[in-house]
N, C-alpha and C. Protein backbone atom coordinates (compact mmCIF):
# COMPACT_ATOMS: atom_id res chain seq x y z
N MET A 1 -63.73 -92.32 21.72
CA MET A 1 -63.62 -91.89 19.22
C MET A 1 -62.46 -92.93 19.68
N SER A 2 -63.42 -93.64 18.28
CA SER A 2 -62.39 -94.63 17.88
C SER A 2 -61.01 -94.25 16.88
N GLY A 3 -60.16 -95.08 17.12
CA GLY A 3 -58.44 -94.80 16.05
C GLY A 3 -57.55 -93.19 17.05
N PRO A 4 -56.48 -93.03 15.87
CA PRO A 4 -55.61 -92.29 17.17
C PRO A 4 -56.04 -90.71 17.55
N GLU A 5 -56.33 -90.00 18.65
CA GLU A 5 -56.15 -88.87 19.07
C GLU A 5 -55.51 -87.58 18.07
N ARG A 6 -54.15 -88.75 18.06
CA ARG A 6 -53.55 -87.28 17.68
C ARG A 6 -52.29 -87.79 16.67
N VAL A 7 -52.24 -87.10 15.38
CA VAL A 7 -51.65 -87.81 13.98
C VAL A 7 -50.93 -86.86 13.68
N THR A 8 -49.89 -87.09 13.10
CA THR A 8 -48.81 -87.56 12.30
C THR A 8 -49.02 -86.42 10.52
N LEU A 9 -49.20 -85.99 9.97
CA LEU A 9 -49.34 -85.63 8.86
C LEU A 9 -48.44 -85.33 7.65
N ALA A 10 -47.44 -85.81 6.91
CA ALA A 10 -46.58 -85.01 6.08
C ALA A 10 -46.22 -84.94 4.54
N MET A 11 -46.70 -84.15 4.58
CA MET A 11 -46.69 -83.71 2.90
C MET A 11 -45.15 -83.78 1.87
N THR A 12 -45.47 -84.45 0.92
CA THR A 12 -43.50 -83.82 0.50
C THR A 12 -44.38 -83.70 -0.85
N GLY A 13 -42.96 -83.89 -1.93
CA GLY A 13 -43.25 -82.91 -2.95
C GLY A 13 -43.78 -84.29 -4.35
N ALA A 14 -44.00 -85.22 -4.19
CA ALA A 14 -44.39 -85.96 -4.67
C ALA A 14 -47.16 -84.86 -5.43
N SER A 15 -46.58 -85.77 -6.47
CA SER A 15 -48.39 -85.21 -6.96
C SER A 15 -48.64 -85.50 -6.14
N GLY A 16 -50.32 -84.76 -5.74
CA GLY A 16 -51.31 -84.94 -5.09
C GLY A 16 -51.27 -84.28 -4.28
N ALA A 17 -51.41 -83.07 -4.08
CA ALA A 17 -51.49 -82.63 -2.51
C ALA A 17 -52.64 -82.59 -2.29
N GLN A 18 -53.57 -82.40 -3.44
CA GLN A 18 -54.91 -82.42 -3.29
C GLN A 18 -54.98 -83.63 -1.69
N TYR A 19 -54.67 -84.94 -1.74
CA TYR A 19 -54.75 -85.99 -1.61
C TYR A 19 -54.72 -85.53 0.42
N GLY A 20 -53.92 -84.93 0.76
CA GLY A 20 -53.43 -84.47 1.41
C GLY A 20 -54.56 -83.31 2.36
N LEU A 21 -54.42 -82.06 1.37
CA LEU A 21 -55.39 -81.40 2.24
C LEU A 21 -56.58 -81.94 2.63
N ARG A 22 -57.21 -82.73 1.29
CA ARG A 22 -58.55 -83.29 2.46
C ARG A 22 -58.45 -84.11 3.41
N LEU A 23 -57.40 -84.88 3.55
CA LEU A 23 -56.64 -85.67 4.15
C LEU A 23 -57.00 -84.57 6.06
N LEU A 24 -56.16 -83.15 5.90
CA LEU A 24 -56.06 -82.55 6.36
C LEU A 24 -57.23 -82.33 7.55
N ASP A 25 -58.54 -81.37 6.19
CA ASP A 25 -59.81 -81.35 7.15
C ASP A 25 -60.22 -82.33 7.36
N CYS A 26 -60.54 -83.86 7.48
CA CYS A 26 -61.02 -84.86 7.47
C CYS A 26 -60.84 -84.86 9.16
N LEU A 27 -59.32 -84.98 9.47
CA LEU A 27 -58.98 -84.92 10.46
C LEU A 27 -59.53 -84.15 11.25
N ILE A 28 -60.11 -82.91 10.90
CA ILE A 28 -60.07 -81.44 12.04
C ILE A 28 -61.45 -82.12 11.99
N GLN A 29 -61.94 -82.36 11.34
CA GLN A 29 -63.82 -82.44 11.20
C GLN A 29 -64.24 -83.65 12.12
N GLU A 30 -63.36 -84.21 12.78
CA GLU A 30 -63.38 -86.13 13.30
C GLU A 30 -62.40 -85.12 14.36
N ASP A 31 -61.99 -84.37 14.85
CA ASP A 31 -61.36 -83.70 15.80
C ASP A 31 -60.38 -84.33 16.09
N ARG A 32 -59.64 -84.32 15.61
CA ARG A 32 -58.44 -84.63 16.15
C ARG A 32 -57.01 -83.89 15.99
N GLU A 33 -56.14 -84.25 16.71
CA GLU A 33 -54.86 -82.99 16.92
C GLU A 33 -54.08 -83.61 15.44
N VAL A 34 -53.53 -82.34 14.75
CA VAL A 34 -52.99 -83.23 14.03
C VAL A 34 -51.33 -82.38 13.72
N HIS A 35 -50.41 -82.93 13.79
CA HIS A 35 -49.22 -82.66 13.77
C HIS A 35 -48.62 -82.75 12.06
N PHE A 36 -48.73 -81.24 11.22
CA PHE A 36 -48.39 -81.18 10.53
C PHE A 36 -46.81 -80.50 9.86
N LEU A 37 -46.35 -81.82 8.89
CA LEU A 37 -45.49 -81.23 8.58
C LEU A 37 -44.52 -81.24 6.87
N ILE A 38 -44.70 -80.74 6.27
CA ILE A 38 -44.34 -80.34 4.94
C ILE A 38 -43.15 -80.12 4.54
N SER A 39 -42.36 -80.66 3.61
CA SER A 39 -41.17 -80.21 2.54
C SER A 39 -41.64 -78.63 2.09
N LYS A 40 -40.09 -78.47 1.70
CA LYS A 40 -40.70 -77.23 0.22
C LYS A 40 -41.03 -77.44 -1.04
N ALA A 41 -41.06 -78.53 -1.17
CA ALA A 41 -41.36 -78.72 -2.60
C ALA A 41 -42.69 -79.24 -2.27
N ALA A 42 -43.14 -79.58 -1.40
CA ALA A 42 -44.60 -80.20 -1.39
C ALA A 42 -45.25 -78.68 -1.55
N GLN A 43 -44.41 -77.73 -0.73
CA GLN A 43 -45.48 -76.36 -0.48
C GLN A 43 -45.34 -75.85 -2.28
N LEU A 44 -44.20 -76.01 -2.95
CA LEU A 44 -44.28 -75.66 -4.47
C LEU A 44 -45.37 -76.89 -5.64
N VAL A 45 -45.60 -78.31 -5.16
CA VAL A 45 -46.94 -78.96 -5.63
C VAL A 45 -47.82 -78.23 -5.59
N MET A 46 -48.06 -77.90 -4.43
CA MET A 46 -49.16 -77.11 -3.85
C MET A 46 -49.76 -76.18 -4.33
N ALA A 47 -48.65 -75.16 -4.81
CA ALA A 47 -48.74 -73.90 -5.78
C ALA A 47 -49.27 -73.86 -6.67
N THR A 48 -48.95 -75.80 -7.62
CA THR A 48 -48.64 -75.78 -9.05
C THR A 48 -50.43 -76.20 -9.27
N GLU A 49 -50.32 -76.87 -8.56
CA GLU A 49 -51.99 -78.10 -8.28
C GLU A 49 -53.24 -77.54 -7.96
N THR A 50 -53.31 -76.56 -7.06
CA THR A 50 -54.73 -76.44 -6.46
C THR A 50 -54.29 -74.51 -6.44
N ASP A 51 -55.18 -73.88 -5.56
CA ASP A 51 -55.87 -72.64 -5.35
C ASP A 51 -54.59 -71.68 -3.73
N VAL A 52 -53.91 -73.12 -3.06
CA VAL A 52 -53.74 -72.77 -1.45
C VAL A 52 -52.36 -72.72 -1.84
N VAL A 53 -51.65 -70.82 -1.02
CA VAL A 53 -50.55 -70.82 -1.01
C VAL A 53 -50.37 -70.77 0.48
N LEU A 54 -49.24 -71.20 0.52
CA LEU A 54 -49.29 -71.62 2.61
C LEU A 54 -48.21 -70.88 2.59
N PRO A 55 -48.27 -69.55 3.70
CA PRO A 55 -47.28 -68.35 4.29
C PRO A 55 -46.11 -69.74 4.27
N ALA A 56 -44.79 -69.29 4.37
CA ALA A 56 -43.38 -69.64 4.55
C ALA A 56 -43.64 -70.34 6.58
N LYS A 57 -43.34 -69.15 7.08
CA LYS A 57 -42.80 -69.45 8.43
C LYS A 57 -43.67 -70.61 8.75
N PRO A 58 -44.05 -71.15 10.01
CA PRO A 58 -44.78 -71.93 10.48
C PRO A 58 -45.83 -71.22 11.37
N GLN A 59 -45.47 -70.70 12.57
CA GLN A 59 -47.04 -69.56 12.99
C GLN A 59 -48.18 -69.71 11.72
N ALA A 60 -46.90 -68.77 11.19
CA ALA A 60 -48.67 -68.31 9.58
C ALA A 60 -48.86 -69.95 9.59
N MET A 61 -48.45 -70.32 9.09
CA MET A 61 -48.68 -71.81 8.34
C MET A 61 -49.42 -72.48 9.61
N GLN A 62 -49.49 -72.23 10.56
CA GLN A 62 -50.03 -72.81 11.26
C GLN A 62 -51.82 -71.57 11.18
N ALA A 63 -51.64 -70.91 11.48
CA ALA A 63 -53.01 -70.04 11.57
C ALA A 63 -53.72 -69.59 9.95
N PHE A 64 -52.94 -70.73 9.12
CA PHE A 64 -53.86 -70.60 7.64
C PHE A 64 -54.95 -71.47 7.53
N LEU A 65 -53.68 -72.43 8.15
CA LEU A 65 -54.53 -74.06 8.27
C LEU A 65 -55.38 -73.86 9.11
N SER A 66 -55.28 -73.38 10.01
CA SER A 66 -56.96 -73.24 11.12
C SER A 66 -57.58 -72.64 10.82
N GLU A 67 -57.36 -71.68 9.77
CA GLU A 67 -58.50 -71.36 9.40
C GLU A 67 -59.42 -71.38 8.48
N TYR A 68 -58.44 -72.06 7.58
CA TYR A 68 -58.65 -72.59 6.18
C TYR A 68 -59.46 -74.28 6.52
N THR A 69 -59.45 -75.13 7.30
CA THR A 69 -60.32 -76.50 8.21
C THR A 69 -61.17 -75.92 9.57
N GLY A 70 -61.07 -74.43 9.85
CA GLY A 70 -61.78 -74.46 10.65
C GLY A 70 -61.10 -75.49 11.79
N ALA A 71 -60.25 -75.57 12.36
CA ALA A 71 -59.79 -76.10 13.61
C ALA A 71 -59.89 -75.58 14.00
N ALA A 72 -60.22 -75.77 16.02
CA ALA A 72 -60.17 -75.34 16.59
C ALA A 72 -58.64 -74.97 17.54
N ALA A 73 -58.15 -74.01 18.44
CA ALA A 73 -57.18 -73.74 18.46
C ALA A 73 -56.57 -74.66 18.59
N GLY A 74 -55.17 -74.54 18.68
CA GLY A 74 -54.31 -75.54 19.11
C GLY A 74 -54.76 -77.39 18.70
N GLN A 75 -55.71 -77.07 17.70
CA GLN A 75 -55.77 -78.74 16.87
C GLN A 75 -55.28 -78.81 16.16
N ILE A 76 -54.01 -77.78 15.15
CA ILE A 76 -52.96 -78.04 14.30
C ILE A 76 -51.95 -77.90 14.39
N ARG A 77 -50.70 -78.41 14.61
CA ARG A 77 -49.65 -77.54 15.02
C ARG A 77 -48.68 -77.68 13.77
N VAL A 78 -48.03 -76.90 13.38
CA VAL A 78 -46.85 -77.06 12.21
C VAL A 78 -45.53 -76.77 12.66
N PHE A 79 -45.06 -77.11 12.37
CA PHE A 79 -43.49 -77.74 12.76
C PHE A 79 -42.63 -77.47 11.71
N ALA A 80 -41.06 -75.99 12.52
CA ALA A 80 -40.59 -76.40 10.77
C ALA A 80 -39.38 -77.65 9.88
N LYS A 81 -38.77 -77.64 9.37
CA LYS A 81 -38.50 -78.77 9.00
C LYS A 81 -36.69 -79.37 9.96
N GLU A 82 -36.54 -78.06 10.23
CA GLU A 82 -35.04 -78.71 11.20
C GLU A 82 -35.16 -78.43 12.89
N ASP A 83 -36.79 -78.82 13.07
CA ASP A 83 -37.34 -78.36 14.21
C ASP A 83 -37.03 -80.06 15.06
N TRP A 84 -36.09 -79.83 15.84
CA TRP A 84 -35.14 -81.39 16.39
C TRP A 84 -36.13 -81.26 17.99
N MET A 85 -37.35 -80.24 18.15
CA MET A 85 -38.05 -80.15 19.88
C MET A 85 -38.68 -80.54 19.60
N ALA A 86 -38.99 -80.50 18.31
CA ALA A 86 -41.01 -81.13 17.95
C ALA A 86 -41.01 -82.57 18.51
N PRO A 87 -42.68 -82.54 18.73
CA PRO A 87 -42.91 -84.08 19.23
C PRO A 87 -43.03 -84.66 18.83
N PRO A 88 -42.90 -84.95 17.42
CA PRO A 88 -43.00 -86.21 16.84
C PRO A 88 -41.33 -86.37 15.94
N ALA A 89 -40.54 -85.96 16.62
CA ALA A 89 -38.90 -85.92 17.02
C ALA A 89 -38.00 -86.52 17.91
N SER A 90 -39.92 -87.08 18.84
CA SER A 90 -39.21 -88.35 19.84
C SER A 90 -39.89 -88.97 19.98
N GLY A 91 -39.63 -90.38 20.29
CA GLY A 91 -40.89 -91.12 20.90
C GLY A 91 -41.54 -91.34 21.98
N SER A 92 -41.22 -90.76 23.26
CA SER A 92 -41.55 -90.12 24.10
C SER A 92 -43.47 -89.23 23.93
N GLY A 93 -42.75 -88.18 22.31
CA GLY A 93 -43.77 -86.81 22.64
C GLY A 93 -44.43 -87.51 21.41
N ALA A 94 -44.49 -88.25 20.38
CA ALA A 94 -44.98 -89.13 18.82
C ALA A 94 -46.25 -89.46 19.13
N PRO A 95 -47.29 -88.80 18.17
CA PRO A 95 -48.47 -88.93 17.96
C PRO A 95 -48.42 -90.63 17.24
N SER A 96 -49.00 -92.11 17.62
CA SER A 96 -49.50 -93.15 17.12
C SER A 96 -49.04 -93.35 15.98
N ALA A 97 -50.01 -92.22 15.16
CA ALA A 97 -50.18 -92.37 13.83
C ALA A 97 -49.19 -92.18 12.96
N MET A 98 -48.78 -92.02 12.12
CA MET A 98 -48.12 -90.52 10.70
C MET A 98 -48.69 -91.64 9.24
N VAL A 99 -49.18 -89.73 8.91
CA VAL A 99 -49.26 -90.48 7.25
C VAL A 99 -48.79 -89.49 6.50
N VAL A 100 -47.73 -89.88 5.28
CA VAL A 100 -47.21 -89.17 4.75
C VAL A 100 -48.32 -88.44 3.58
N VAL A 101 -48.57 -87.96 3.33
CA VAL A 101 -49.55 -87.95 1.90
C VAL A 101 -49.30 -86.13 1.31
N PRO A 102 -49.15 -86.26 0.08
CA PRO A 102 -48.61 -87.90 -1.18
C PRO A 102 -46.89 -87.86 -0.29
N CYS A 103 -46.23 -89.07 -0.27
CA CYS A 103 -45.04 -89.29 -0.65
C CYS A 103 -44.65 -89.58 -1.94
N SER A 104 -43.13 -89.05 -1.94
CA SER A 104 -42.15 -88.54 -2.73
C SER A 104 -41.53 -90.11 -2.55
N THR A 105 -40.53 -90.05 -3.98
CA THR A 105 -40.35 -91.80 -4.41
C THR A 105 -38.83 -91.02 -3.69
N GLY A 106 -38.59 -90.00 -3.29
CA GLY A 106 -37.53 -89.23 -2.11
C GLY A 106 -36.87 -89.81 -0.85
N THR A 107 -38.94 -89.55 -0.30
CA THR A 107 -39.24 -89.54 0.56
C THR A 107 -38.66 -91.10 0.97
N LEU A 108 -39.82 -91.66 0.23
CA LEU A 108 -39.77 -93.11 1.03
C LEU A 108 -37.84 -93.98 0.52
N SER A 109 -37.24 -93.87 -0.25
CA SER A 109 -36.09 -94.49 0.36
C SER A 109 -35.62 -93.04 0.95
N ALA A 110 -35.72 -92.20 2.19
CA ALA A 110 -35.08 -91.73 3.13
C ALA A 110 -35.98 -92.02 3.97
N ILE A 111 -36.84 -93.01 3.97
CA ILE A 111 -37.42 -93.60 4.70
C ILE A 111 -37.11 -95.04 5.30
N ALA A 112 -36.74 -95.83 4.10
CA ALA A 112 -36.17 -97.23 4.22
C ALA A 112 -34.91 -96.80 4.09
N SER A 113 -33.91 -95.90 4.01
CA SER A 113 -32.63 -96.26 4.22
C SER A 113 -32.38 -95.94 5.65
N GLY A 114 -33.91 -94.96 6.77
CA GLY A 114 -33.51 -94.43 8.09
C GLY A 114 -32.21 -93.42 8.21
N ALA A 115 -32.61 -92.67 7.41
CA ALA A 115 -31.92 -90.86 7.09
C ALA A 115 -33.14 -90.23 7.99
N CYS A 116 -32.85 -89.17 8.90
CA CYS A 116 -33.35 -88.37 9.52
C CYS A 116 -32.64 -87.16 9.52
N ASN A 117 -32.34 -86.56 8.05
CA ASN A 117 -32.11 -85.26 7.44
C ASN A 117 -32.82 -84.32 7.67
N ASN A 118 -34.01 -84.27 7.68
CA ASN A 118 -34.93 -83.12 8.21
C ASN A 118 -35.90 -84.48 8.95
N LEU A 119 -37.55 -83.09 9.78
CA LEU A 119 -37.98 -83.67 10.48
C LEU A 119 -39.78 -84.61 10.49
N ILE A 120 -39.67 -84.57 8.82
CA ILE A 120 -40.84 -85.31 7.78
C ILE A 120 -40.00 -87.07 8.01
N GLU A 121 -38.67 -87.59 7.50
CA GLU A 121 -37.58 -88.06 7.99
C GLU A 121 -37.43 -88.62 9.67
N ARG A 122 -36.85 -87.95 10.10
CA ARG A 122 -36.83 -88.01 12.06
C ARG A 122 -38.66 -88.59 12.35
N ALA A 123 -39.41 -88.14 12.07
CA ALA A 123 -40.47 -88.66 13.09
C ALA A 123 -41.20 -89.69 11.78
N ALA A 124 -40.59 -90.44 10.92
CA ALA A 124 -41.01 -91.10 10.15
C ALA A 124 -39.86 -92.87 10.98
N ASP A 125 -38.75 -92.25 10.34
CA ASP A 125 -37.64 -92.97 11.82
C ASP A 125 -38.26 -93.54 13.00
N VAL A 126 -38.70 -91.90 13.72
CA VAL A 126 -39.14 -92.32 15.27
C VAL A 126 -40.47 -93.45 15.22
N ALA A 127 -41.26 -93.57 14.38
CA ALA A 127 -42.86 -93.81 14.59
C ALA A 127 -42.32 -95.21 14.67
N LEU A 128 -41.48 -95.70 13.34
CA LEU A 128 -41.15 -97.82 12.52
C LEU A 128 -40.09 -97.97 13.97
N LYS A 129 -39.19 -96.81 14.62
CA LYS A 129 -38.38 -97.53 15.70
C LYS A 129 -39.65 -98.01 16.92
N GLU A 130 -40.20 -96.88 16.90
CA GLU A 130 -41.62 -97.32 18.97
C GLU A 130 -42.53 -97.96 17.70
N ARG A 131 -42.84 -98.64 16.71
CA ARG A 131 -43.66 -99.97 16.70
C ARG A 131 -44.81 -98.94 16.17
N ARG A 132 -45.28 -97.60 15.45
CA ARG A 132 -46.74 -97.17 15.34
C ARG A 132 -47.00 -97.64 14.16
N GLN A 133 -47.72 -97.11 14.05
CA GLN A 133 -48.77 -97.00 12.30
C GLN A 133 -48.67 -96.07 11.84
N VAL A 134 -48.03 -96.16 10.92
CA VAL A 134 -47.08 -95.54 9.62
C VAL A 134 -48.17 -95.77 7.80
N ILE A 135 -48.69 -94.82 7.64
CA ILE A 135 -48.67 -95.22 5.99
C ILE A 135 -48.04 -94.00 4.89
N LEU A 136 -47.65 -94.93 4.16
CA LEU A 136 -47.39 -94.24 3.36
C LEU A 136 -48.18 -94.16 1.96
N VAL A 137 -47.81 -92.75 1.04
CA VAL A 137 -48.48 -92.80 0.30
C VAL A 137 -48.11 -91.99 -1.36
N PRO A 138 -47.50 -92.81 -1.45
CA PRO A 138 -46.51 -92.24 -2.94
C PRO A 138 -47.69 -92.35 -3.89
N ARG A 139 -47.43 -91.40 -5.10
CA ARG A 139 -47.82 -91.27 -6.75
C ARG A 139 -46.26 -91.08 -7.81
N GLU A 140 -46.50 -92.05 -8.19
CA GLU A 140 -45.15 -91.81 -9.28
C GLU A 140 -45.67 -93.83 -10.34
N ALA A 141 -45.53 -93.03 -11.43
CA ALA A 141 -45.97 -93.90 -12.41
C ALA A 141 -44.50 -94.02 -13.73
N PRO A 142 -44.35 -94.41 -13.67
CA PRO A 142 -44.08 -96.11 -13.35
C PRO A 142 -43.41 -96.07 -12.36
N TYR A 143 -43.11 -97.44 -11.23
CA TYR A 143 -42.50 -97.46 -9.96
C TYR A 143 -40.74 -98.27 -10.73
N SER A 144 -40.11 -97.73 -10.59
CA SER A 144 -39.09 -98.54 -11.00
C SER A 144 -38.56 -99.34 -10.06
N SER A 145 -37.12 -100.61 -9.99
CA SER A 145 -37.11 -100.98 -8.89
C SER A 145 -37.33 -101.05 -7.99
N ILE A 146 -36.03 -99.59 -8.05
CA ILE A 146 -35.33 -99.32 -6.11
C ILE A 146 -36.71 -98.96 -5.38
N HIS A 147 -37.79 -98.24 -6.07
CA HIS A 147 -38.87 -97.79 -5.50
C HIS A 147 -39.80 -99.04 -5.41
N LEU A 148 -40.19 -99.54 -5.82
CA LEU A 148 -40.61 -101.54 -5.72
C LEU A 148 -39.82 -102.06 -4.47
N GLU A 149 -38.06 -101.81 -4.58
CA GLU A 149 -37.74 -102.85 -3.29
C GLU A 149 -37.43 -102.32 -1.49
N ASN A 150 -37.45 -100.54 -2.04
CA ASN A 150 -37.76 -99.46 -0.87
C ASN A 150 -39.45 -100.09 0.07
N MET A 151 -40.62 -100.47 -0.86
CA MET A 151 -41.87 -100.11 -0.86
C MET A 151 -41.85 -101.33 -0.08
N LEU A 152 -41.09 -102.93 -0.76
CA LEU A 152 -40.71 -103.66 -0.10
C LEU A 152 -40.89 -104.24 1.36
N LYS A 153 -39.27 -103.36 1.29
CA LYS A 153 -38.28 -103.25 2.81
C LYS A 153 -39.07 -102.84 4.07
N LEU A 154 -39.94 -101.15 3.98
CA LEU A 154 -40.93 -100.75 4.19
C LEU A 154 -42.25 -101.84 4.81
N SER A 155 -42.81 -102.16 3.94
CA SER A 155 -43.74 -102.95 4.11
C SER A 155 -43.77 -104.21 4.70
N ASN A 156 -41.90 -104.78 4.94
CA ASN A 156 -41.85 -106.02 5.83
C ASN A 156 -42.16 -105.40 6.63
N LEU A 157 -41.46 -104.23 7.02
CA LEU A 157 -41.29 -103.41 8.35
C LEU A 157 -42.55 -103.06 9.42
N GLY A 158 -43.83 -103.39 8.59
CA GLY A 158 -45.00 -102.98 8.97
C GLY A 158 -45.54 -101.94 8.81
N VAL A 159 -44.72 -101.43 7.24
CA VAL A 159 -45.53 -100.00 7.06
C VAL A 159 -46.31 -100.19 5.76
N THR A 160 -47.79 -99.40 5.52
CA THR A 160 -48.87 -99.64 4.97
C THR A 160 -48.54 -99.17 3.85
N ILE A 161 -48.18 -99.61 2.40
CA ILE A 161 -47.90 -98.74 0.95
C ILE A 161 -49.40 -98.70 0.79
N LEU A 162 -50.23 -97.54 0.58
CA LEU A 162 -51.05 -97.09 -0.41
C LEU A 162 -51.37 -96.27 -1.31
N PRO A 163 -51.24 -97.23 -2.19
CA PRO A 163 -50.42 -95.93 -3.25
C PRO A 163 -51.66 -95.22 -3.95
N ALA A 164 -51.73 -93.74 -4.25
CA ALA A 164 -52.59 -93.01 -4.51
C ALA A 164 -53.45 -93.37 -6.04
N SER A 165 -53.91 -94.16 -5.88
CA SER A 165 -54.94 -95.67 -6.84
C SER A 165 -56.36 -95.49 -6.86
N PRO A 166 -57.24 -94.49 -7.00
CA PRO A 166 -58.12 -94.78 -6.69
C PRO A 166 -58.53 -95.64 -7.62
N GLY A 167 -60.08 -96.05 -7.02
CA GLY A 167 -60.93 -97.33 -7.65
C GLY A 167 -61.52 -96.21 -8.43
N PHE A 168 -62.55 -97.22 -9.76
CA PHE A 168 -63.94 -96.52 -9.56
C PHE A 168 -65.20 -97.37 -9.98
N TYR A 169 -65.27 -98.23 -9.11
CA TYR A 169 -66.37 -98.85 -8.20
C TYR A 169 -67.44 -97.79 -7.74
N HIS A 170 -67.23 -96.95 -7.22
CA HIS A 170 -68.18 -96.78 -6.70
C HIS A 170 -68.68 -95.34 -8.10
N GLN A 171 -68.13 -95.17 -9.31
CA GLN A 171 -68.45 -94.59 -9.96
C GLN A 171 -68.57 -92.64 -9.77
N PRO A 172 -67.36 -92.77 -9.83
CA PRO A 172 -67.00 -91.27 -9.31
C PRO A 172 -67.68 -90.53 -10.46
N GLN A 173 -67.83 -89.43 -10.35
CA GLN A 173 -68.47 -88.15 -11.00
C GLN A 173 -67.49 -86.84 -10.94
N THR A 174 -66.99 -87.28 -10.13
CA THR A 174 -65.36 -85.19 -9.75
C THR A 174 -64.62 -86.41 -9.51
N LEU A 175 -63.79 -84.95 -9.22
CA LEU A 175 -62.26 -85.19 -9.01
C LEU A 175 -61.76 -85.69 -7.16
N ASP A 176 -63.40 -84.64 -7.18
CA ASP A 176 -63.19 -85.08 -5.35
C ASP A 176 -63.08 -85.74 -4.95
N ASP A 177 -64.20 -86.93 -5.94
CA ASP A 177 -64.59 -88.61 -5.78
C ASP A 177 -63.64 -89.22 -5.38
N LEU A 178 -62.69 -89.09 -6.53
CA LEU A 178 -61.13 -89.39 -6.95
C LEU A 178 -60.40 -89.67 -5.82
N VAL A 179 -60.57 -88.06 -5.42
CA VAL A 179 -59.60 -87.87 -4.04
C VAL A 179 -60.19 -88.25 -2.58
N ASP A 180 -61.81 -88.32 -3.08
CA ASP A 180 -61.77 -88.97 -1.48
C ASP A 180 -61.96 -90.40 -1.16
N PHE A 181 -62.42 -91.02 -2.57
CA PHE A 181 -61.28 -92.95 -2.64
C PHE A 181 -60.22 -92.60 -2.35
N VAL A 182 -59.46 -92.32 -1.96
CA VAL A 182 -57.79 -92.46 -1.53
C VAL A 182 -58.09 -92.47 0.12
N VAL A 183 -58.27 -91.22 0.01
CA VAL A 183 -58.39 -89.77 1.57
C VAL A 183 -59.00 -91.18 2.24
N ALA A 184 -60.66 -91.97 1.94
CA ALA A 184 -61.37 -92.69 2.93
C ALA A 184 -60.49 -94.32 3.00
N ARG A 185 -59.44 -94.58 2.31
CA ARG A 185 -58.94 -95.74 2.50
C ARG A 185 -57.92 -95.73 3.44
N ILE A 186 -57.36 -94.57 3.99
CA ILE A 186 -56.35 -93.78 4.13
C ILE A 186 -57.88 -94.18 6.20
N LEU A 187 -58.63 -93.43 5.78
CA LEU A 187 -60.03 -92.98 7.30
C LEU A 187 -59.53 -94.50 7.97
N ASN A 188 -59.69 -95.31 7.08
CA ASN A 188 -60.09 -96.74 7.81
C ASN A 188 -59.19 -97.21 7.81
N LEU A 189 -57.71 -97.17 7.27
CA LEU A 189 -56.65 -97.83 8.03
C LEU A 189 -56.25 -96.85 9.37
N LEU A 190 -56.74 -96.12 9.08
CA LEU A 190 -56.31 -95.53 10.57
C LEU A 190 -57.65 -95.00 12.00
N ASN A 191 -58.77 -96.18 11.51
CA ASN A 191 -60.01 -97.03 12.21
C ASN A 191 -60.46 -95.23 12.58
N ILE A 192 -60.83 -94.20 11.84
CA ILE A 192 -61.36 -92.94 11.56
C ILE A 192 -62.64 -92.76 11.69
N PRO A 193 -64.04 -92.84 11.10
CA PRO A 193 -64.97 -93.05 10.41
C PRO A 193 -65.04 -92.04 9.72
N GLN A 194 -66.07 -92.64 8.90
CA GLN A 194 -65.93 -91.39 7.24
C GLN A 194 -67.02 -92.08 7.25
N ASP A 195 -67.39 -91.40 5.37
CA ASP A 195 -68.71 -91.28 5.46
C ASP A 195 -68.53 -91.47 3.76
N MET A 196 -67.25 -91.02 3.50
CA MET A 196 -66.83 -90.65 2.24
C MET A 196 -66.93 -91.76 0.98
N LEU A 197 -67.23 -93.01 1.40
CA LEU A 197 -67.16 -94.42 0.48
C LEU A 197 -67.36 -95.18 1.16
N PRO A 198 -68.71 -95.86 0.88
CA PRO A 198 -69.28 -97.38 1.50
C PRO A 198 -68.25 -98.29 1.51
N ARG A 199 -67.83 -99.20 2.28
CA ARG A 199 -67.20 -100.34 2.76
C ARG A 199 -67.83 -101.44 1.71
N TRP A 200 -67.34 -101.79 1.30
CA TRP A 200 -67.60 -103.20 -0.27
C TRP A 200 -68.35 -104.43 0.69
N GLY A 201 -69.27 -103.91 0.28
CA GLY A 201 -70.76 -104.94 0.14
C GLY A 201 -71.62 -104.23 1.35
N GLU A 202 -70.71 -103.02 1.92
CA GLU A 202 -72.33 -102.58 3.07
C GLU A 202 -73.31 -102.29 2.43
N HIS A 203 -73.56 -101.83 1.18
CA HIS A 203 -75.45 -101.87 0.92
C HIS A 203 -75.27 -102.87 -0.13
N HIS A 204 -74.89 -104.08 0.15
CA HIS A 204 -75.50 -104.99 -1.06
C HIS A 204 -76.76 -105.61 -0.48
N ILE A 205 -77.35 -106.38 -2.20
CA ILE A 205 -78.58 -106.33 -1.66
C ILE A 205 -79.03 -108.01 -2.25
N VAL A 206 -78.72 -108.69 -1.81
CA VAL A 206 -78.99 -110.34 -1.84
C VAL A 206 -80.42 -110.91 -2.60
N SER A 207 -79.55 -111.02 -3.87
CA SER A 207 -80.33 -111.80 -5.07
C SER A 207 -80.77 -112.63 -4.61
N ASP A 208 -82.80 -113.33 -4.79
CA ASP A 208 -83.42 -114.27 -5.34
C ASP A 208 -82.76 -115.46 -5.41
N ASP A 209 -81.61 -115.25 -6.83
CA ASP A 209 -81.67 -116.05 -7.85
C ASP A 209 -80.92 -116.58 -6.93
């Protein structure tokens, strides 16, 4: 198996709930264990942007997401925002990779400043101090100087900043194609197999001219 066996997936209150849900589905299909964290704002955005309405309680949410994705028992673990005993809260238990998608600029700021006011922020802080892979997928327009300074600070610490900016060279036909473009880029960074988007030049035909 290439890539991490366990991934912390956090969703926060920026637009783009579809990215997080699609990534969750892909991780489950690739037999990864997912530690799932979600902010209250992200739940509100999800209910606005999609037809998915998550239960409020972690256990009920875990059961819902397991059925939604077809996950095996125990493959998805949902933790409350103040569950300080959860594995992502400690370097000895956290997965080797964390993705925040979508990542609000508020969460971006909190991670950049080392705030640990909830489990999402603490999990990112742990991943940073343990030198583990962190991918943030911000979705905002335009970016202020504050946002850009926070991104630069985190990038200098080894965080990958992957804005939710889908390309068009694959000639997308649907909104799902645009979502898949960003999710495929995340999976590539995690070194997890995906067949949604060919790598650049993969099907290039050399001309005789």
